[in-house]
Protein backbone atom coordinates (compact mmCIF):
# COMPACT_ATOMS: atom_id res chain seq x y z
CA MET A 1 6.88 4.76 32.97
CA ASP A 2 8.97 7.91 33.19
CA ASN A 3 7.37 11.30 33.79
CA ILE A 4 7.68 12.72 30.25
CA LYS A 5 6.05 9.67 28.70
CA GLN A 6 3.08 9.95 31.02
CA LYS A 7 2.75 13.63 30.16
CA ILE A 8 2.72 12.81 26.44
CA ILE A 9 0.03 10.17 26.98
CA ASP A 10 -2.00 12.74 28.91
CA GLU A 11 -1.71 15.17 25.97
CA VAL A 12 -3.07 12.51 23.59
CA GLU A 13 -5.99 11.91 25.95
CA LYS A 14 -6.79 15.64 26.10
CA THR A 15 -7.31 15.87 22.34
CA LYS A 16 -9.01 12.54 21.65
CA ASN A 17 -12.44 14.07 20.95
CA GLU A 18 -10.89 16.56 18.56
CA GLN A 19 -8.93 13.73 16.93
CA ILE A 20 -11.98 11.58 16.24
CA LYS A 21 -13.88 14.57 14.81
CA PHE A 22 -10.98 15.23 12.47
CA LEU A 23 -10.92 11.56 11.44
CA GLN A 24 -14.60 11.88 10.59
CA LYS A 25 -13.74 14.83 8.33
CA LEU A 26 -11.04 12.80 6.61
CA VAL A 27 -13.50 9.96 5.94
CA GLN A 28 -16.17 12.39 4.75
CA THR A 29 -13.68 13.88 2.27
CA LYS A 30 -13.51 11.57 -0.73
CA SER A 31 -10.20 10.43 -2.21
CA ILE A 32 -11.26 7.41 -4.26
CA ASN A 33 -8.57 6.17 -6.60
CA PRO A 34 -10.32 4.92 -9.77
CA ASN A 35 -7.09 3.45 -11.17
CA VAL A 36 -7.12 0.37 -8.95
CA THR A 37 -8.47 -1.66 -11.89
CA ASP A 38 -5.81 -0.30 -14.28
CA PRO A 39 -2.77 1.28 -12.61
CA THR A 40 -1.31 2.27 -15.98
CA LYS A 41 -3.97 5.00 -16.23
CA SER A 42 -2.76 6.80 -13.12
CA SER A 43 -1.93 10.46 -13.76
CA PRO A 44 -0.33 13.12 -11.53
CA TYR A 45 -2.82 15.64 -12.90
CA ASP A 46 -6.03 14.05 -11.61
CA PRO A 47 -6.98 15.75 -8.30
CA ILE A 48 -7.91 12.46 -6.63
CA GLU A 49 -6.54 13.24 -3.15
CA LEU A 50 -6.46 17.04 -3.41
CA GLU A 51 -9.28 17.80 -0.94
CA VAL A 52 -7.79 15.46 1.67
CA ALA A 53 -4.34 16.97 1.10
CA GLU A 54 -5.73 20.47 1.66
CA LEU A 55 -7.58 19.33 4.79
CA ILE A 56 -4.38 17.88 6.26
CA PHE A 57 -2.28 20.87 5.17
CA ASN A 58 -4.66 23.33 6.84
CA LYS A 59 -4.81 21.31 10.05
CA LEU A 60 -1.02 21.27 10.33
CA LYS A 61 -0.91 25.03 9.67
CA GLU A 62 -3.52 25.56 12.36
CA MET A 63 -1.20 23.73 14.78
CA GLY A 64 1.60 26.19 14.03
CA LEU A 65 3.60 23.89 11.75
CA GLN A 66 4.93 24.58 8.27
CA PRO A 67 3.63 21.88 5.91
CA LYS A 68 4.50 21.85 2.21
CA PHE A 69 2.87 20.51 -0.92
CA GLU A 70 5.28 18.38 -2.97
CA GLY A 71 4.24 16.72 -6.20
CA VAL A 72 4.61 16.42 -9.93
CA SER A 73 1.69 18.84 -10.27
CA PRO A 74 -0.30 21.11 -7.92
CA SER A 75 -3.43 19.14 -8.85
CA ARG A 76 -2.22 16.06 -7.01
CA PRO A 77 0.29 16.95 -4.32
CA ASN A 78 1.81 14.99 -1.48
CA VAL A 79 1.95 16.77 1.89
CA VAL A 80 5.19 16.82 3.89
CA CYS A 81 5.84 18.39 7.26
CA GLU A 82 8.88 18.41 9.57
CA PHE A 83 8.82 18.85 13.32
CA GLY A 84 11.76 19.02 15.71
CA GLN A 85 15.47 19.84 15.47
CA GLY A 86 18.52 17.69 14.77
CA LYS A 87 20.01 15.37 12.18
CA LYS A 88 18.26 12.13 13.08
CA ILE A 89 14.93 11.72 11.26
CA LEU A 90 11.98 9.36 11.83
CA ILE A 91 9.50 9.23 8.95
CA PHE A 92 5.79 8.57 9.33
CA ASN A 93 4.35 7.74 5.91
CA GLY A 94 0.78 7.02 4.80
CA HIS A 95 -1.36 7.18 1.68
CA MET A 96 -4.34 9.49 1.26
CA ASP A 97 -6.10 7.58 -1.53
CA THR A 98 -8.69 4.86 -0.95
CA VAL A 99 -10.09 2.05 -3.05
CA PRO A 100 -13.60 2.47 -4.48
CA PRO A 101 -16.19 1.44 -1.85
CA ALA A 102 -17.35 -2.16 -2.08
CA ARG A 103 -20.99 -2.80 -2.90
CA GLU A 104 -23.74 -3.46 -0.37
CA TRP A 105 -22.69 -1.13 2.42
CA ASP A 106 -25.35 -0.93 5.13
CA PHE A 107 -25.09 2.88 5.10
CA ASN A 108 -23.39 5.73 3.28
CA PRO A 109 -19.63 4.98 3.37
CA PHE A 110 -18.75 8.70 3.50
CA LEU A 111 -20.65 9.75 6.62
CA GLY A 112 -18.08 8.62 9.18
CA ILE A 113 -20.77 7.06 11.36
CA ILE A 114 -19.77 6.20 14.94
CA LYS A 115 -21.45 3.18 16.49
CA ASN A 116 -20.44 0.87 19.35
CA GLY A 117 -16.94 2.31 19.61
CA ARG A 118 -16.27 2.04 15.89
CA LEU A 119 -15.94 4.70 13.22
CA TYR A 120 -17.28 3.42 9.90
CA GLY A 121 -16.36 4.71 6.47
CA SER A 122 -14.45 4.18 3.27
CA GLY A 123 -10.78 4.46 4.14
CA ALA A 124 -11.44 4.68 7.88
CA LEU A 125 -9.10 1.74 8.52
CA ASP A 126 -7.00 1.90 5.36
CA MET A 127 -5.57 4.32 6.20
CA LYS A 128 -7.04 7.66 7.17
CA SER A 129 -6.96 6.57 10.81
CA ALA A 130 -3.15 6.36 10.67
CA LEU A 131 -2.92 9.76 8.97
CA CYS A 132 -4.98 11.19 11.81
CA CYS A 133 -2.70 9.50 14.35
CA TYR A 134 0.36 11.14 12.78
CA ILE A 135 -1.15 14.60 13.09
CA PHE A 136 -2.25 14.21 16.69
CA MET A 137 1.02 12.50 17.64
CA VAL A 138 2.78 15.71 16.65
CA LYS A 139 0.16 17.78 18.47
CA ALA A 140 0.88 15.79 21.65
CA LEU A 141 4.64 16.31 21.20
CA LEU A 142 4.50 20.07 20.58
CA LYS A 143 5.22 20.85 24.24
CA PHE A 144 8.14 18.40 24.32
CA GLU A 145 10.10 19.45 21.23
CA LYS A 146 13.27 19.98 23.28
CA ALA A 147 13.17 16.33 24.33
CA LEU A 148 13.48 15.26 20.70
CA LYS A 149 17.08 15.16 19.50
CA GLY A 150 15.97 14.89 15.92
CA LYS A 151 13.06 15.41 13.54
CA ILE A 152 9.73 13.79 12.77
CA LEU A 153 9.03 13.85 9.04
CA LEU A 154 5.36 13.38 8.13
CA GLN A 155 4.61 12.17 4.60
CA PHE A 156 1.02 12.05 3.36
CA VAL A 157 1.30 10.50 -0.09
CA ILE A 158 -0.79 9.90 -3.19
CA ASP A 159 -1.47 6.97 -5.50
CA GLU A 160 -0.58 3.99 -3.32
CA GLU A 161 -3.68 1.85 -3.75
CA PRO A 162 -3.34 0.74 -7.41
CA MET A 163 -0.09 -1.17 -6.86
CA ALA A 164 2.14 0.51 -4.23
CA ALA A 165 4.72 1.28 -6.91
CA SER A 166 3.74 4.75 -8.05
CA HIS A 167 6.26 7.29 -9.29
CA PHE A 168 4.12 10.15 -7.93
CA GLY A 169 3.90 9.41 -4.19
CA THR A 170 6.49 7.92 -1.83
CA ARG A 171 9.03 7.30 -4.59
CA TYR A 172 8.76 10.92 -5.73
CA LEU A 173 9.46 12.18 -2.19
CA LEU A 174 12.43 9.84 -1.73
CA GLU A 175 13.90 11.02 -5.02
CA LYS A 176 13.39 14.63 -3.90
CA GLY A 177 15.54 13.92 -0.83
CA TYR A 178 12.88 13.39 1.83
CA ILE A 179 14.76 10.59 3.56
CA GLY A 180 15.43 9.58 7.16
CA ASN A 181 16.95 7.03 9.52
CA ALA A 182 13.82 4.87 9.79
CA ALA A 183 10.18 4.88 8.68
CA ILE A 184 6.81 3.74 9.99
CA ILE A 185 4.02 3.17 7.47
CA GLY A 186 0.60 3.06 9.12
CA GLU A 187 -0.91 0.07 7.31
CA PRO A 188 -3.57 -1.46 9.59
CA GLY A 189 -2.95 -3.80 12.49
CA THR A 190 -1.33 -3.85 15.94
CA ARG A 191 -1.05 -7.63 16.27
CA LYS A 192 2.05 -7.61 14.11
CA ILE A 193 4.94 -5.28 13.34
CA THR A 194 5.44 -5.99 9.67
CA ILE A 195 9.18 -6.07 8.99
CA GLY A 196 9.10 -7.00 5.32
CA ASN A 197 6.93 -7.79 2.36
CA ARG A 198 6.94 -10.38 -0.37
CA GLY A 199 7.76 -8.89 -3.71
CA GLY A 200 5.82 -9.18 -6.91
CA TYR A 201 6.02 -9.34 -10.67
CA ARG A 202 2.95 -8.39 -12.70
CA PHE A 203 2.83 -9.04 -16.40
CA LYS A 204 0.71 -9.11 -19.54
CA ILE A 205 0.72 -11.84 -22.18
CA GLN A 206 -0.69 -11.09 -25.62
CA VAL A 207 -1.52 -13.95 -27.99
CA PHE A 208 -2.02 -13.31 -31.71
CA GLY A 209 -4.19 -15.27 -34.13
CA ASP A 210 -5.81 -14.74 -37.52
CA ALA A 211 -9.27 -13.21 -37.89
CA VAL A 212 -11.79 -14.63 -40.37
CA HIS A 213 -15.58 -14.65 -40.68
CA THR A 214 -17.02 -17.75 -39.02
CA GLY A 215 -19.37 -18.22 -41.96
CA SER A 216 -16.64 -18.21 -44.57
CA ARG A 217 -15.58 -21.22 -46.66
CA GLU A 218 -11.95 -20.56 -45.69
CA TRP A 219 -12.71 -21.04 -41.98
CA GLU A 220 -15.00 -23.97 -42.68
CA GLN A 221 -12.21 -25.75 -44.57
CA LYS A 222 -9.54 -24.66 -42.06
CA LYS A 223 -7.60 -22.81 -44.75
CA GLU A 224 -7.65 -19.48 -42.89
CA GLY A 225 -8.13 -18.32 -39.31
CA LEU A 226 -6.44 -18.98 -35.99
CA ASN A 227 -8.34 -18.62 -32.70
CA ALA A 228 -6.18 -16.54 -30.36
CA ILE A 229 -8.39 -17.36 -27.37
CA LEU A 230 -7.85 -21.10 -27.87
CA ASP A 231 -4.09 -20.51 -28.05
CA MET A 232 -4.34 -18.45 -24.85
CA THR A 233 -5.89 -21.47 -23.13
CA LYS A 234 -2.71 -23.37 -23.96
CA VAL A 235 -0.68 -20.64 -22.28
CA ILE A 236 -3.00 -20.65 -19.26
CA ASN A 237 -2.72 -24.42 -18.85
CA ALA A 238 1.06 -24.31 -19.22
CA LEU A 239 1.48 -21.70 -16.50
CA GLN A 240 -0.65 -23.59 -13.98
CA ASN A 241 2.34 -25.86 -13.37
CA PHE A 242 4.79 -23.06 -12.67
CA LYS A 243 7.50 -24.29 -10.32
CA PHE A 244 9.41 -22.18 -7.82
CA PRO A 245 12.28 -23.23 -5.57
CA SER A 246 10.58 -24.57 -2.44
CA LYS A 247 12.90 -22.95 0.12
CA GLU A 248 11.07 -21.03 2.89
CA HIS A 249 12.24 -17.79 4.48
CA PRO A 250 12.32 -17.16 8.27
CA ILE A 251 10.87 -13.63 7.98
CA PHE A 252 7.87 -15.04 6.08
CA PRO A 253 6.89 -18.18 8.01
CA GLY A 254 4.48 -20.40 6.10
CA ARG A 255 4.38 -18.11 3.06
CA LYS A 256 5.15 -19.32 -0.45
CA ASN A 257 5.97 -18.09 -3.92
CA VAL A 258 2.87 -18.11 -6.10
CA LEU A 259 2.02 -17.25 -9.70
CA THR A 260 -1.62 -16.50 -10.48
CA PHE A 261 -2.58 -16.50 -14.16
CA PRO A 262 -4.83 -15.16 -15.49
CA THR A 263 -6.26 -12.52 -13.17
CA LEU A 264 -7.79 -10.48 -16.03
CA ILE A 265 -8.48 -11.62 -19.59
CA LYS A 266 -10.13 -10.29 -22.73
CA GLY A 267 -10.24 -11.16 -26.41
CA GLY A 268 -12.36 -11.30 -29.51
CA LYS A 269 -14.15 -8.63 -31.57
CA ALA A 270 -17.55 -10.03 -32.48
CA ILE A 271 -19.64 -13.16 -32.12
CA ASN A 272 -19.15 -14.07 -35.79
CA ILE A 273 -15.39 -13.43 -36.10
CA VAL A 274 -12.60 -15.83 -35.17
CA PRO A 275 -10.62 -13.86 -32.56
CA ASP A 276 -7.20 -12.76 -33.73
CA TYR A 277 -6.15 -11.34 -30.35
CA CYS A 278 -6.33 -12.24 -26.68
CA GLU A 279 -4.59 -10.65 -23.71
CA ALA A 280 -4.34 -11.79 -20.13
CA PHE A 281 -2.70 -10.43 -17.01
CA GLY A 282 -0.85 -12.32 -14.30
CA ASP A 283 0.37 -11.63 -10.78
CA THR A 284 3.34 -13.24 -9.02
CA ARG A 285 4.16 -13.01 -5.30
CA ILE A 286 7.76 -13.83 -4.46
CA LEU A 287 9.97 -14.44 -1.45
CA PRO A 288 13.60 -13.28 -1.15
CA GLY A 289 15.81 -15.14 -3.58
CA ILE A 290 13.39 -15.03 -6.53
CA THR A 291 14.16 -12.50 -9.24
CA LYS A 292 12.31 -10.94 -12.14
CA GLU A 293 14.79 -12.61 -14.49
CA PHE A 294 13.98 -16.06 -13.11
CA ILE A 295 10.23 -15.57 -13.57
CA GLU A 296 10.50 -14.22 -17.10
CA LYS A 297 12.88 -17.00 -18.15
CA GLU A 298 10.58 -19.72 -16.79
CA ILE A 299 7.45 -18.18 -18.37
CA ARG A 300 9.12 -18.00 -21.78
CA LYS A 301 10.49 -21.51 -21.47
CA LYS A 302 6.97 -22.89 -20.95
CA ILE A 303 5.27 -20.83 -23.68
CA ASN A 304 7.99 -21.40 -26.26
CA LYS A 305 7.09 -25.10 -26.32
CA LEU A 306 3.50 -24.35 -27.41
CA ASN A 307 3.94 -23.06 -30.97
CA VAL A 308 1.97 -19.94 -30.03
CA LYS A 309 2.61 -16.42 -31.28
CA TYR A 310 2.84 -14.26 -28.16
CA LYS A 311 4.35 -11.23 -26.46
CA LEU A 312 5.30 -10.98 -22.77
CA THR A 313 5.22 -7.45 -21.28
CA PRO A 314 6.31 -6.68 -17.70
CA ILE A 315 4.00 -4.25 -15.85
CA VAL A 316 5.71 -3.84 -12.50
CA TYR A 317 8.39 -5.53 -10.42
CA VAL A 318 8.62 -5.02 -6.67
CA PRO A 319 11.55 -6.68 -4.89
CA PRO A 320 10.96 -8.78 -1.78
CA VAL A 321 12.43 -6.89 1.18
CA PHE A 322 12.82 -7.17 4.94
CA VAL A 323 14.62 -5.64 7.90
CA LYS A 324 16.18 -7.51 10.79
CA PRO A 325 13.97 -8.04 13.88
CA LYS A 326 16.70 -6.44 16.00
CA GLU A 327 16.55 -3.11 14.13
CA ALA A 328 16.21 -0.21 16.56
CA ILE A 329 12.86 0.98 15.13
CA VAL A 330 11.43 -2.54 15.47
CA GLN A 331 12.50 -2.97 19.08
CA ILE A 332 11.43 0.53 20.15
CA LEU A 333 8.02 0.14 18.50
CA LYS A 334 7.59 -3.31 20.05
CA ASN A 335 8.43 -2.03 23.56
CA ASN A 336 6.00 0.86 23.35
CA THR A 337 3.24 -1.32 21.92
CA LYS A 338 3.67 -3.68 24.85
CA GLN A 339 3.57 -0.72 27.24
CA ILE A 340 0.32 0.72 25.85
CA LEU A 341 -1.56 -2.42 24.77
CA LYS A 342 -0.18 -4.84 27.40
CA LYS A 343 0.65 -7.34 24.68
CA THR A 344 3.73 -8.05 22.58
CA PRO A 345 3.26 -7.91 18.82
CA ILE A 346 4.86 -10.54 16.61
CA THR A 347 7.44 -9.48 14.02
CA GLU A 348 7.28 -11.01 10.56
CA GLY A 349 6.81 -10.18 6.89
CA SER A 350 3.53 -9.74 5.05
CA GLY A 351 2.11 -11.36 1.92
CA PRO A 352 1.01 -8.16 0.12
CA TRP A 353 3.41 -5.28 -0.34
CA SER A 354 3.04 -1.60 0.56
CA ASP A 355 5.23 1.47 0.02
CA MET A 356 7.54 -0.03 2.67
CA TRP A 357 9.75 -1.63 0.02
CA MET A 358 10.76 1.75 -1.40
CA PHE A 359 12.29 2.80 1.93
CA ILE A 360 14.09 -0.51 2.50
CA GLU A 361 15.44 -0.47 -1.06
CA LYS A 362 16.92 2.98 -0.22
CA GLY A 363 18.58 1.53 2.89
CA ILE A 364 16.02 3.04 5.29
CA PRO A 365 14.67 0.51 7.83
CA ALA A 366 10.88 0.53 7.59
CA VAL A 367 7.93 -1.23 9.21
CA ASN A 368 4.14 -1.35 8.89
CA PHE A 369 2.05 -0.72 12.00
CA GLY A 370 -1.40 0.87 12.28
CA CYS A 371 -4.85 0.80 13.81
CA GLU A 372 -7.24 -2.09 14.46
CA GLY A 373 -10.53 -2.63 12.67
CA GLU A 374 -12.15 -4.70 9.94
CA GLY A 375 -13.55 -4.46 6.42
CA MET A 376 -10.45 -3.19 4.65
CA HIS A 377 -11.30 -3.06 0.91
CA ASP A 378 -14.73 -4.48 1.81
CA LYS A 379 -18.17 -3.26 2.83
CA ASN A 380 -18.74 -1.69 6.26
CA GLU A 381 -15.07 -0.84 6.79
CA TYR A 382 -14.40 0.47 10.29
CA VAL A 383 -11.65 1.42 12.69
CA GLU A 384 -11.85 0.92 16.44
CA ILE A 385 -11.85 4.33 18.11
CA LYS A 386 -9.88 3.12 21.14
CA SER A 387 -7.23 1.76 18.78
CA VAL A 388 -6.86 5.17 17.09
CA ILE A 389 -6.03 6.76 20.44
CA ASP A 390 -3.78 3.86 21.52
CA VAL A 391 -1.82 3.93 18.27
CA THR A 392 -1.36 7.71 18.58
CA LYS A 393 0.19 7.09 22.01
CA ILE A 394 2.42 4.32 20.62
CA TYR A 395 3.62 6.51 17.75
CA SER A 396 4.30 9.39 20.15
CA LEU A 397 6.36 7.32 22.57
CA THR A 398 8.18 5.59 19.73
CA ALA A 399 9.16 8.95 18.23
CA LEU A 400 10.40 10.12 21.64
CA ASP A 401 12.52 7.01 22.19
CA PHE A 402 13.90 6.85 18.66
CA LEU A 403 14.89 10.52 18.66
CA LYS A 404 16.41 10.65 22.16
C-alpha cells in the first residue's frame, strides 16, 4: 500500500468515534416515507426528509464545505456538495428516506442503540450508514485534495423508497446537470458490487361490472347486475400463465423474468350490492431484452379473450440496465475492497432496482456498494459498526484512485 493511501486510512480511523455518533444522530432523526404503500401520493412539498437534510447540510458546513439544497421545493430538498478540483467527477449518491419501521421491534427503532458491535435503528443499514460514510470519506480526504485530479460530488436524495423512480430526487438532480463520469450508490452489502438491476413494469387493471341490490328481483332472475370481482378472478387466472422468453442473461445469473398479479386488490361497495368495480395492481421484474411494449401487448392479448370490460393503466416502467464488469469504477472498487476486506467481491446484477438505473440510462456507469448488516425493511435493522468504518476506507481509496 502506498504512503498516501495509508495516511487516508489513518484519517478515517481518527474520526471513527465521531462518525458513529453522527450515524446515531442520523438514525435518531426520522425520515419515514409514508408513500411506500402508494407512490402516486408522493409530493415534493411534504417535509419527509427535511430534518435529515438539514443535519447533513450543517455537518458539511461545519467541515468547511459548501453544500447546497436542491429540490422542487424548500420543504423537501436534496443536498448536494462538491469537493476537489478538475473536470473528472465521481458521484456518491444515497437516499435519506426510510421505510416505515416493521412491527415487533425489540426496542425503539429511533434510539440508535449500539450492542455487540452493531448499531440498531430504522434506516441504519438502508441507508443512513452509507450517507455517513460519504461525509466522513470527504473528511478523511480534506488534507489530500491536491492528490485528487477531479471532484467528488455528494448527492443526498429524497423519495427513493416508494419505487426508486421519483421525479424529485436523483432524476431531478440529473436533469439539473449534476452529472459525472461514474457513480456509487450505497445500497447495502460488500459481498457483491452490483453492476446492474432488473427492470420493472408496474400496472393497474380496472374491471367494470354492473351494480344491483342483491335482494332485487332483477339480480335474482339474472336480468341485471355483473360482478366485477368475479370478472377480475378471470383476469387473475389468465395472467398466472404469463410467458416470457426463457433466455438468461450473464449479468443476472439464475434470475428470471416474473410477473406477479395481483399484489394489491380492492372492490365492492357494500355487503348487499353486486360490485360494479374492482381494481388490482401488478408488478413485473424483467431482464434485458424485455420491453414495456411486450408486456402490455401480452397482457391485453390474454384479457381480450375473456369478454371482460377492463382498463390497463401503466404506473411505472424502469428499464433493465447494467454496466460491463471491466468498467473502471467496477475494477477500482473491487481492488480497494479486496485491499481493505481481504476478500474479492463478486460482480453481478440485482433483482430489485435502485436509483442506479437513472445514471446508467444517462450513460453514467454506476454501481451499488454499501455497508453490511441485517434487517433491511424488517424489525431490528442494524449495521455492523466495523463495516461502516471499512466502507468509508473503501470509498476514500476508490475516490483517490478514480480521480488520479
